[in-house]
Amino acid sequence: MKKANILQEADLSYSMRRSLALLYALCSVACFILASMTGSLAGAWSGGLCLVGVLVLTGYTTIEGLKSLAGAIKGTKCGKEN
């Protein structure tokens, strides 16, 4: 059985949230590096906004994972009886 990688869901389909979180994480690092090299406050703000995007996207993924875990423990799926 093939195991899912970091950009895939448990059913091996690719997750747009995880892909965007990775992209925003890379962009935030680039923005912070450029801001430190040029002394630009706009680069620091854009890097901070990218970090907020990463936290929101990964937080949503974590919440969805916790919902499926709780449903598996209870014997239900997303609040509905099997």
Protein backbone atom coordinates (compact mmCIF):
# COMPACT_ATOMS: atom_id res chain seq x y z
CA MET A 1 0.00 0.00 0.00
CA LYS A 2 1.33 3.39 -0.97
CA LYS A 3 1.74 5.90 1.83
CA ALA A 4 0.61 9.52 1.40
CA ASN A 5 3.28 12.21 1.25
CA ILE A 6 3.13 15.66 2.84
CA LEU A 7 1.07 17.15 -0.01
CA GLN A 8 -1.55 14.37 -0.11
CA GLU A 9 -4.62 13.51 1.91
CA ALA A 10 -5.14 10.08 3.45
CA ASP A 11 -6.91 8.88 0.28
CA LEU A 12 -3.79 9.84 -1.79
CA SER A 13 -5.49 12.80 -3.50
CA TYR A 14 -3.44 15.99 -3.59
CA SER A 15 -4.43 18.67 -1.10
CA MET A 16 -4.63 22.24 -2.39
CA ARG A 17 -4.48 23.58 1.19
CA ARG A 18 -1.22 21.80 1.87
CA SER A 19 0.24 22.84 -1.49
CA LEU A 20 -0.67 26.49 -0.90
CA ALA A 21 0.67 26.35 2.66
CA LEU A 22 4.02 25.12 1.30
CA LEU A 23 4.05 27.85 -1.36
CA TYR A 24 3.22 30.57 1.18
CA ALA A 25 5.87 29.26 3.56
CA LEU A 26 8.51 29.50 0.83
CA CYS A 27 7.27 32.96 -0.18
CA SER A 28 7.38 34.23 3.41
CA VAL A 29 11.01 33.15 3.78
CA ALA A 30 11.87 34.89 0.50
CA CYS A 31 10.02 38.06 1.57
CA PHE A 32 11.82 38.16 4.92
CA ILE A 33 15.21 37.64 3.27
CA LEU A 34 14.55 40.40 0.73
CA ALA A 35 13.25 42.70 3.47
CA SER A 36 16.35 42.16 5.58
CA MET A 37 18.65 42.75 2.62
CA THR A 38 16.95 45.96 1.51
CA GLY A 39 15.61 47.25 4.81
CA SER A 40 12.12 47.42 3.33
CA LEU A 41 9.18 47.43 5.70
CA ALA A 42 6.84 46.37 2.88
CA GLY A 43 8.78 43.11 2.52
CA ALA A 44 8.41 42.43 6.22
CA TRP A 45 4.66 43.03 6.04
CA SER A 46 4.25 40.76 3.02
CA GLY A 47 6.30 38.06 4.73
CA GLY A 48 4.13 38.37 7.81
CA LEU A 49 0.95 38.08 5.74
CA CYS A 50 2.32 34.96 4.05
CA LEU A 51 2.98 33.49 7.49
CA VAL A 52 -0.59 34.23 8.55
CA GLY A 53 -1.78 32.43 5.40
CA VAL A 54 0.35 29.41 6.28
CA LEU A 55 -1.07 29.29 9.80
CA VAL A 56 -4.66 29.53 8.56
CA LEU A 57 -4.21 26.83 5.91
CA THR A 58 -2.39 24.39 8.16
CA GLY A 59 -4.81 25.10 11.00
CA TYR A 60 -7.75 24.23 8.76
CA THR A 61 -6.02 21.01 7.69
CA THR A 62 -5.39 20.13 11.34
CA ILE A 63 -9.04 20.79 12.27
CA GLU A 64 -10.23 18.55 9.43
CA GLY A 65 -7.84 15.83 10.59
CA LEU A 66 -9.09 16.10 14.16
CA LYS A 67 -12.70 15.88 12.98
CA SER A 68 -12.02 12.67 11.09
CA LEU A 69 -10.14 11.24 14.08
CA ALA A 70 -12.99 12.08 16.45
CA GLY A 71 -15.49 10.57 14.01
CA ALA A 72 -13.46 7.38 13.78
CA ILE A 73 -13.34 7.12 17.56
CA LYS A 74 -17.10 7.64 17.89
CA GLY A 75 -17.93 5.37 14.97
CA THR A 76 -19.41 8.20 12.95
CA LYS A 77 -18.20 10.21 9.99
CA CYS A 78 -18.47 14.01 10.23
CA GLY A 79 -21.28 13.84 12.76
CA LYS A 80 -23.43 11.38 10.77
CA GLU A 81 -24.18 7.82 11.78
CA ASN A 82 -22.73 5.05 9.60
